[in-house]
Amino acid sequence: MFPQFFSYTSRIMIDKKLIETLAIEAAETHQLFVVDVNITPSNDIEILLDGKTPVVLSNCTAISKLIENQLDREKEDFALTVASAGIGYPLTMPQQFDKTIGKIVEILTTPDSRKIIAVLEEYSQENNTVTVKYISKEKPEGAKRKMDVEKIEILNIADDIRKIVETI
């Protein structure tokens, strides 16, 4: 019987701070901002972008090339994906909240898991809150059936909101 030998190649983990710095610099050249950077242990890099104007394919391609030119494939093997955070991706950055004012959002609250479809009326970075306006079906005292009631609610992003996304 022959002994078994196992070989493996050690993989150098790409520095997330370096990728974040490169992504921020590249995004700014296109008037965009970085929403998220994820790097898996197998060096799959995903960069999500957003901006005041829509993120288009040419933006993603150009930013991908700018970042890739700063990395050495001889030292580290990686896969790079640059994409738009887009509608349906959770709002997390102050710039995302600012650009979504006046638009319809879907909110999942904590701890009661209410789902609210509302217009984002205001965002306060200082207070970490959003003000939303929506229609709620409520039964006024003494009434026989529910009526539409306009509600305005101020929600703390950290305490009251599990998830908030822009909808169509």
C-alpha atoms as a PDB file:
ATOM      1  CA  MET A   1       0.000   0.000   0.000  1.00  0.00           C
ATOM      2  CA  PHE A   2       1.327   3.437  -0.918  1.00  0.00           C
ATOM      3  CA  PRO A   3       1.107   6.333   1.515  1.00  0.00           C
ATOM      4  CA  GLN A   4      -1.381   9.039   0.594  1.00  0.00           C
ATOM      5  CA  PHE A   5      -0.153  12.544   0.162  1.00  0.00           C
ATOM      6  CA  PHE A   6      -2.386  15.542   0.270  1.00  0.00           C
ATOM      7  CA  SER A   7      -1.395  18.776  -1.319  1.00  0.00           C
ATOM      8  CA  TYR A   8      -3.073  22.075  -0.975  1.00  0.00           C
ATOM      9  CA  THR A   9      -2.313  25.581  -1.962  1.00  0.00           C
ATOM     10  CA  SER A  10      -2.424  28.175   0.696  1.00  0.00           C
ATOM     11  CA  ARG A  11      -4.617  31.075  -0.211  1.00  0.00           C
ATOM     12  CA  ILE A  12      -3.769  34.573   0.868  1.00  0.00           C
ATOM     13  CA  MET A  13      -6.848  36.346   2.192  1.00  0.00           C
ATOM     14  CA  ILE A  14      -7.322  39.694   0.492  1.00  0.00           C
ATOM     15  CA  ASP A  15      -7.270  42.664   2.859  1.00  0.00           C
ATOM     16  CA  LYS A  16     -10.826  44.009   3.206  1.00  0.00           C
ATOM     17  CA  LYS A  17      -9.644  47.491   4.213  1.00  0.00           C
ATOM     18  CA  LEU A  18      -7.596  47.714   1.002  1.00  0.00           C
ATOM     19  CA  ILE A  19     -10.599  46.667  -1.097  1.00  0.00           C
ATOM     20  CA  GLU A  20     -12.865  49.140   0.700  1.00  0.00           C
ATOM     21  CA  THR A  21     -10.367  51.968   0.117  1.00  0.00           C
ATOM     22  CA  LEU A  22      -9.965  51.090  -3.565  1.00  0.00           C
ATOM     23  CA  ALA A  23     -13.745  50.763  -3.999  1.00  0.00           C
ATOM     24  CA  ILE A  24     -14.477  54.111  -2.337  1.00  0.00           C
ATOM     25  CA  GLU A  25     -11.878  55.901  -4.472  1.00  0.00           C
ATOM     26  CA  ALA A  26     -13.129  54.255  -7.672  1.00  0.00           C
ATOM     27  CA  ALA A  27     -16.808  54.897  -6.858  1.00  0.00           C
ATOM     28  CA  GLU A  28     -16.176  58.571  -6.133  1.00  0.00           C
ATOM     29  CA  THR A  29     -14.730  59.031  -9.637  1.00  0.00           C
ATOM     30  CA  HIS A  30     -18.224  58.123 -10.926  1.00  0.00           C
ATOM     31  CA  GLN A  31     -20.175  60.159  -8.301  1.00  0.00           C
ATOM     32  CA  LEU A  32     -21.243  56.917  -6.592  1.00  0.00           C
ATOM     33  CA  PHE A  33     -20.770  55.524  -3.102  1.00  0.00           C
ATOM     34  CA  VAL A  34     -20.017  52.098  -1.680  1.00  0.00           C
ATOM     35  CA  VAL A  35     -22.869  50.436   0.191  1.00  0.00           C
ATOM     36  CA  ASP A  36     -21.182  47.160   1.088  1.00  0.00           C
ATOM     37  CA  VAL A  37     -18.009  45.139   0.546  1.00  0.00           C
ATOM     38  CA  ASN A  38     -18.000  41.396   1.190  1.00  0.00           C
ATOM     39  CA  ILE A  39     -15.045  39.049   0.831  1.00  0.00           C
ATOM     40  CA  THR A  40     -15.426  35.306   1.281  1.00  0.00           C
ATOM     41  CA  PRO A  41     -12.613  33.051   2.543  1.00  0.00           C
ATOM     42  CA  SER A  42     -12.129  31.925  -1.079  1.00  0.00           C
ATOM     43  CA  ASN A  43     -11.528  35.586  -2.102  1.00  0.00           C
ATOM     44  CA  ASP A  44     -14.825  36.163  -3.856  1.00  0.00           C
ATOM     45  CA  ILE A  45     -15.158  39.935  -3.634  1.00  0.00           C
ATOM     46  CA  GLU A  46     -18.565  41.589  -3.944  1.00  0.00           C
ATOM     47  CA  ILE A  47     -18.878  45.355  -4.000  1.00  0.00           C
ATOM     48  CA  LEU A  48     -22.317  46.991  -3.953  1.00  0.00           C
ATOM     49  CA  LEU A  49     -22.710  50.560  -5.171  1.00  0.00           C
ATOM     50  CA  ASP A  50     -25.395  53.206  -5.120  1.00  0.00           C
ATOM     51  CA  GLY A  51     -25.668  56.849  -6.098  1.00  0.00           C
ATOM     52  CA  LYS A  52     -27.957  59.812  -6.474  1.00  0.00           C
ATOM     53  CA  THR A  53     -28.304  58.776 -10.108  1.00  0.00           C
ATOM     54  CA  PRO A  54     -28.833  55.177 -11.181  1.00  0.00           C
ATOM     55  CA  VAL A  55     -25.825  52.860 -11.234  1.00  0.00           C
ATOM     56  CA  VAL A  56     -25.391  51.591 -14.797  1.00  0.00           C
ATOM     57  CA  LEU A  57     -23.414  48.685 -16.200  1.00  0.00           C
ATOM     58  CA  SER A  58     -20.673  50.951 -17.563  1.00  0.00           C
ATOM     59  CA  ASN A  59     -20.110  52.298 -14.013  1.00  0.00           C
ATOM     60  CA  CYS A  60     -19.728  48.775 -12.639  1.00  0.00           C
ATOM     61  CA  THR A  61     -17.364  47.741 -15.439  1.00  0.00           C
ATOM     62  CA  ALA A  62     -15.154  50.819 -15.083  1.00  0.00           C
ATOM     63  CA  ILE A  63     -14.981  50.527 -11.288  1.00  0.00           C
ATOM     64  CA  SER A  64     -14.207  46.813 -11.546  1.00  0.00           C
ATOM     65  CA  LYS A  65     -11.289  47.564 -13.894  1.00  0.00           C
ATOM     66  CA  LEU A  66      -9.964  50.323 -11.630  1.00  0.00           C
ATOM     67  CA  ILE A  67      -9.937  47.976  -8.642  1.00  0.00           C
ATOM     68  CA  GLU A  68      -8.586  44.990 -10.554  1.00  0.00           C
ATOM     69  CA  ASN A  69      -5.659  47.045 -11.869  1.00  0.00           C
ATOM     70  CA  GLN A  70      -4.603  47.687  -8.262  1.00  0.00           C
ATOM     71  CA  LEU A  71      -4.508  43.992  -7.327  1.00  0.00           C
ATOM     72  CA  ASP A  72      -1.941  41.354  -8.275  1.00  0.00           C
ATOM     73  CA  ARG A  73      -3.428  38.075  -9.463  1.00  0.00           C
ATOM     74  CA  GLU A  74       0.021  36.488  -9.134  1.00  0.00           C
ATOM     75  CA  LYS A  75      -0.121  37.017  -5.356  1.00  0.00           C
ATOM     76  CA  GLU A  76      -3.787  36.385  -4.734  1.00  0.00           C
ATOM     77  CA  ASP A  77      -6.456  34.648  -6.761  1.00  0.00           C
ATOM     78  CA  PHE A  78      -9.834  36.361  -6.568  1.00  0.00           C
ATOM     79  CA  ALA A  79     -13.188  36.855  -8.243  1.00  0.00           C
ATOM     80  CA  LEU A  80     -14.557  40.392  -8.348  1.00  0.00           C
ATOM     81  CA  THR A  81     -18.199  41.390  -8.708  1.00  0.00           C
ATOM     82  CA  VAL A  82     -19.247  45.036  -8.779  1.00  0.00           C
ATOM     83  CA  ALA A  83     -23.000  45.634  -8.792  1.00  0.00           C
ATOM     84  CA  SER A  84     -25.747  48.082  -7.929  1.00  0.00           C
ATOM     85  CA  ALA A  85     -27.445  47.748  -4.554  1.00  0.00           C
ATOM     86  CA  GLY A  86     -30.645  48.558  -6.422  1.00  0.00           C
ATOM     87  CA  ILE A  87     -34.296  48.566  -5.450  1.00  0.00           C
ATOM     88  CA  GLY A  88     -35.102  45.871  -2.912  1.00  0.00           C
ATOM     89  CA  TYR A  89     -31.676  46.022  -1.254  1.00  0.00           C
ATOM     90  CA  PRO A  90     -31.903  47.242   2.369  1.00  0.00           C
ATOM     91  CA  LEU A  91     -31.156  50.908   2.970  1.00  0.00           C
ATOM     92  CA  THR A  92     -28.135  51.165   5.246  1.00  0.00           C
ATOM     93  CA  MET A  93     -26.176  54.284   4.285  1.00  0.00           C
ATOM     94  CA  PRO A  94     -27.147  57.907   5.011  1.00  0.00           C
ATOM     95  CA  GLN A  95     -26.834  58.693   1.289  1.00  0.00           C
ATOM     96  CA  GLN A  96     -29.392  55.973   0.496  1.00  0.00           C
ATOM     97  CA  PHE A  97     -31.908  57.435   2.935  1.00  0.00           C
ATOM     98  CA  ASP A  98     -31.339  60.953   1.568  1.00  0.00           C
ATOM     99  CA  LYS A  99     -31.935  59.891  -2.048  1.00  0.00           C
ATOM    100  CA  THR A 100     -35.064  57.905  -1.100  1.00  0.00           C
ATOM    101  CA  ILE A 101     -36.945  60.832   0.458  1.00  0.00           C
ATOM    102  CA  GLY A 102     -40.305  61.157  -1.271  1.00  0.00           C
ATOM    103  CA  LYS A 103     -40.255  57.555  -2.500  1.00  0.00           C
ATOM    104  CA  ILE A 104     -42.181  54.483  -1.376  1.00  0.00           C
ATOM    105  CA  VAL A 105     -40.444  52.167   1.088  1.00  0.00           C
ATOM    106  CA  GLU A 106     -41.328  48.863   2.688  1.00  0.00           C
ATOM    107  CA  ILE A 107     -40.480  48.617   6.377  1.00  0.00           C
ATOM    108  CA  LEU A 108     -40.384  45.572   8.608  1.00  0.00           C
ATOM    109  CA  THR A 109     -40.508  46.760  12.210  1.00  0.00           C
ATOM    110  CA  THR A 110     -39.060  45.315  15.375  1.00  0.00           C
ATOM    111  CA  PRO A 111     -40.075  43.752  17.697  1.00  0.00           C
ATOM    112  CA  ASP A 112     -43.637  43.338  16.383  1.00  0.00           C
ATOM    113  CA  SER A 113     -42.739  42.520  12.738  1.00  0.00           C
ATOM    114  CA  ARG A 114     -45.305  44.909  11.295  1.00  0.00           C
ATOM    115  CA  LYS A 115     -44.985  45.489   7.549  1.00  0.00           C
ATOM    116  CA  ILE A 116     -45.514  49.115   6.575  1.00  0.00           C
ATOM    117  CA  ILE A 117     -45.680  50.438   3.011  1.00  0.00           C
ATOM    118  CA  ALA A 118     -45.086  54.173   3.294  1.00  0.00           C
ATOM    119  CA  VAL A 119     -43.602  57.277   1.749  1.00  0.00           C
ATOM    120  CA  LEU A 120     -40.261  58.222   3.297  1.00  0.00           C
ATOM    121  CA  GLU A 121     -40.916  61.819   4.276  1.00  0.00           C
ATOM    122  CA  GLU A 122     -37.764  62.689   6.201  1.00  0.00           C
ATOM    123  CA  TYR A 123     -34.441  61.252   7.342  1.00  0.00           C
ATOM    124  CA  SER A 124     -32.425  62.540  10.295  1.00  0.00           C
ATOM    125  CA  GLN A 125     -28.864  61.291  10.461  1.00  0.00           C
ATOM    126  CA  GLU A 126     -28.401  63.154  13.741  1.00  0.00           C
ATOM    127  CA  ASN A 127     -31.305  61.318  15.444  1.00  0.00           C
ATOM    128  CA  ASN A 128     -30.975  58.144  13.337  1.00  0.00           C
ATOM    129  CA  THR A 129     -34.677  58.315  12.491  1.00  0.00           C
ATOM    130  CA  VAL A 130     -37.000  58.284   9.511  1.00  0.00           C
ATOM    131  CA  THR A 131     -40.396  59.898   9.265  1.00  0.00           C
ATOM    132  CA  VAL A 132     -42.865  57.966   7.142  1.00  0.00           C
ATOM    133  CA  LYS A 133     -46.427  58.642   5.985  1.00  0.00           C
ATOM    134  CA  TYR A 134     -48.869  55.863   5.163  1.00  0.00           C
ATOM    135  CA  ILE A 135     -52.554  54.946   5.091  1.00  0.00           C
ATOM    136  CA  SER A 136     -53.843  52.611   7.790  1.00  0.00           C
ATOM    137  CA  LYS A 137     -57.255  50.934   7.968  1.00  0.00           C
ATOM    138  CA  GLU A 138     -58.674  51.704  11.409  1.00  0.00           C
ATOM    139  CA  LYS A 139     -62.067  51.463  13.033  1.00  0.00           C
ATOM    140  CA  PRO A 140     -62.888  54.736  14.766  1.00  0.00           C
ATOM    141  CA  GLU A 141     -64.727  54.481  18.080  1.00  0.00           C
ATOM    142  CA  GLY A 142     -68.434  54.009  17.441  1.00  0.00           C
ATOM    143  CA  ALA A 143     -67.997  53.288  13.736  1.00  0.00           C
ATOM    144  CA  LYS A 144     -69.251  50.108  12.126  1.00  0.00           C
ATOM    145  CA  ARG A 145     -66.375  49.619   9.702  1.00  0.00           C
ATOM    146  CA  LYS A 146     -62.757  50.514   9.181  1.00  0.00           C
ATOM    147  CA  MET A 147     -61.739  53.718   7.449  1.00  0.00           C
ATOM    148  CA  ASP A 148     -58.557  54.942   5.821  1.00  0.00           C
ATOM    149  CA  VAL A 149     -56.531  57.058   8.241  1.00  0.00           C
ATOM    150  CA  GLU A 150     -53.357  58.878   7.261  1.00  0.00           C
ATOM    151  CA  LYS A 151     -50.572  58.141   9.733  1.00  0.00           C
ATOM    152  CA  ILE A 152     -47.245  59.848  10.215  1.00  0.00           C
ATOM    153  CA  GLU A 153     -44.731  57.883  12.234  1.00  0.00           C
ATOM    154  CA  ILE A 154     -41.165  58.574  13.345  1.00  0.00           C
ATOM    155  CA  LEU A 155     -39.105  55.388  13.585  1.00  0.00           C
ATOM    156  CA  ASN A 156     -35.651  54.929  15.050  1.00  0.00           C
ATOM    157  CA  ILE A 157     -33.595  53.038  12.470  1.00  0.00           C
ATOM    158  CA  ALA A 158     -31.615  51.037  15.035  1.00  0.00           C
ATOM    159  CA  ASP A 159     -34.437  50.271  17.483  1.00  0.00           C
ATOM    160  CA  ASP A 160     -37.679  50.176  15.478  1.00  0.00           C
ATOM    161  CA  ILE A 161     -36.666  48.913  12.033  1.00  0.00           C
ATOM    162  CA  ARG A 162     -35.520  45.411  11.161  1.00  0.00           C
ATOM    163  CA  LYS A 163     -35.367  46.139   7.429  1.00  0.00           C
ATOM    164  CA  ILE A 164     -36.206  49.045   5.148  1.00  0.00           C
ATOM    165  CA  VAL A 165     -36.103  48.847   1.347  1.00  0.00           C
ATOM    166  CA  GLU A 166     -37.128  51.117  -1.499  1.00  0.00           C
ATOM    167  CA  THR A 167     -39.944  49.671  -3.588  1.00  0.00           C
ATOM    168  CA  ILE A 168     -41.206  50.491  -7.048  1.00  0.00           C
END
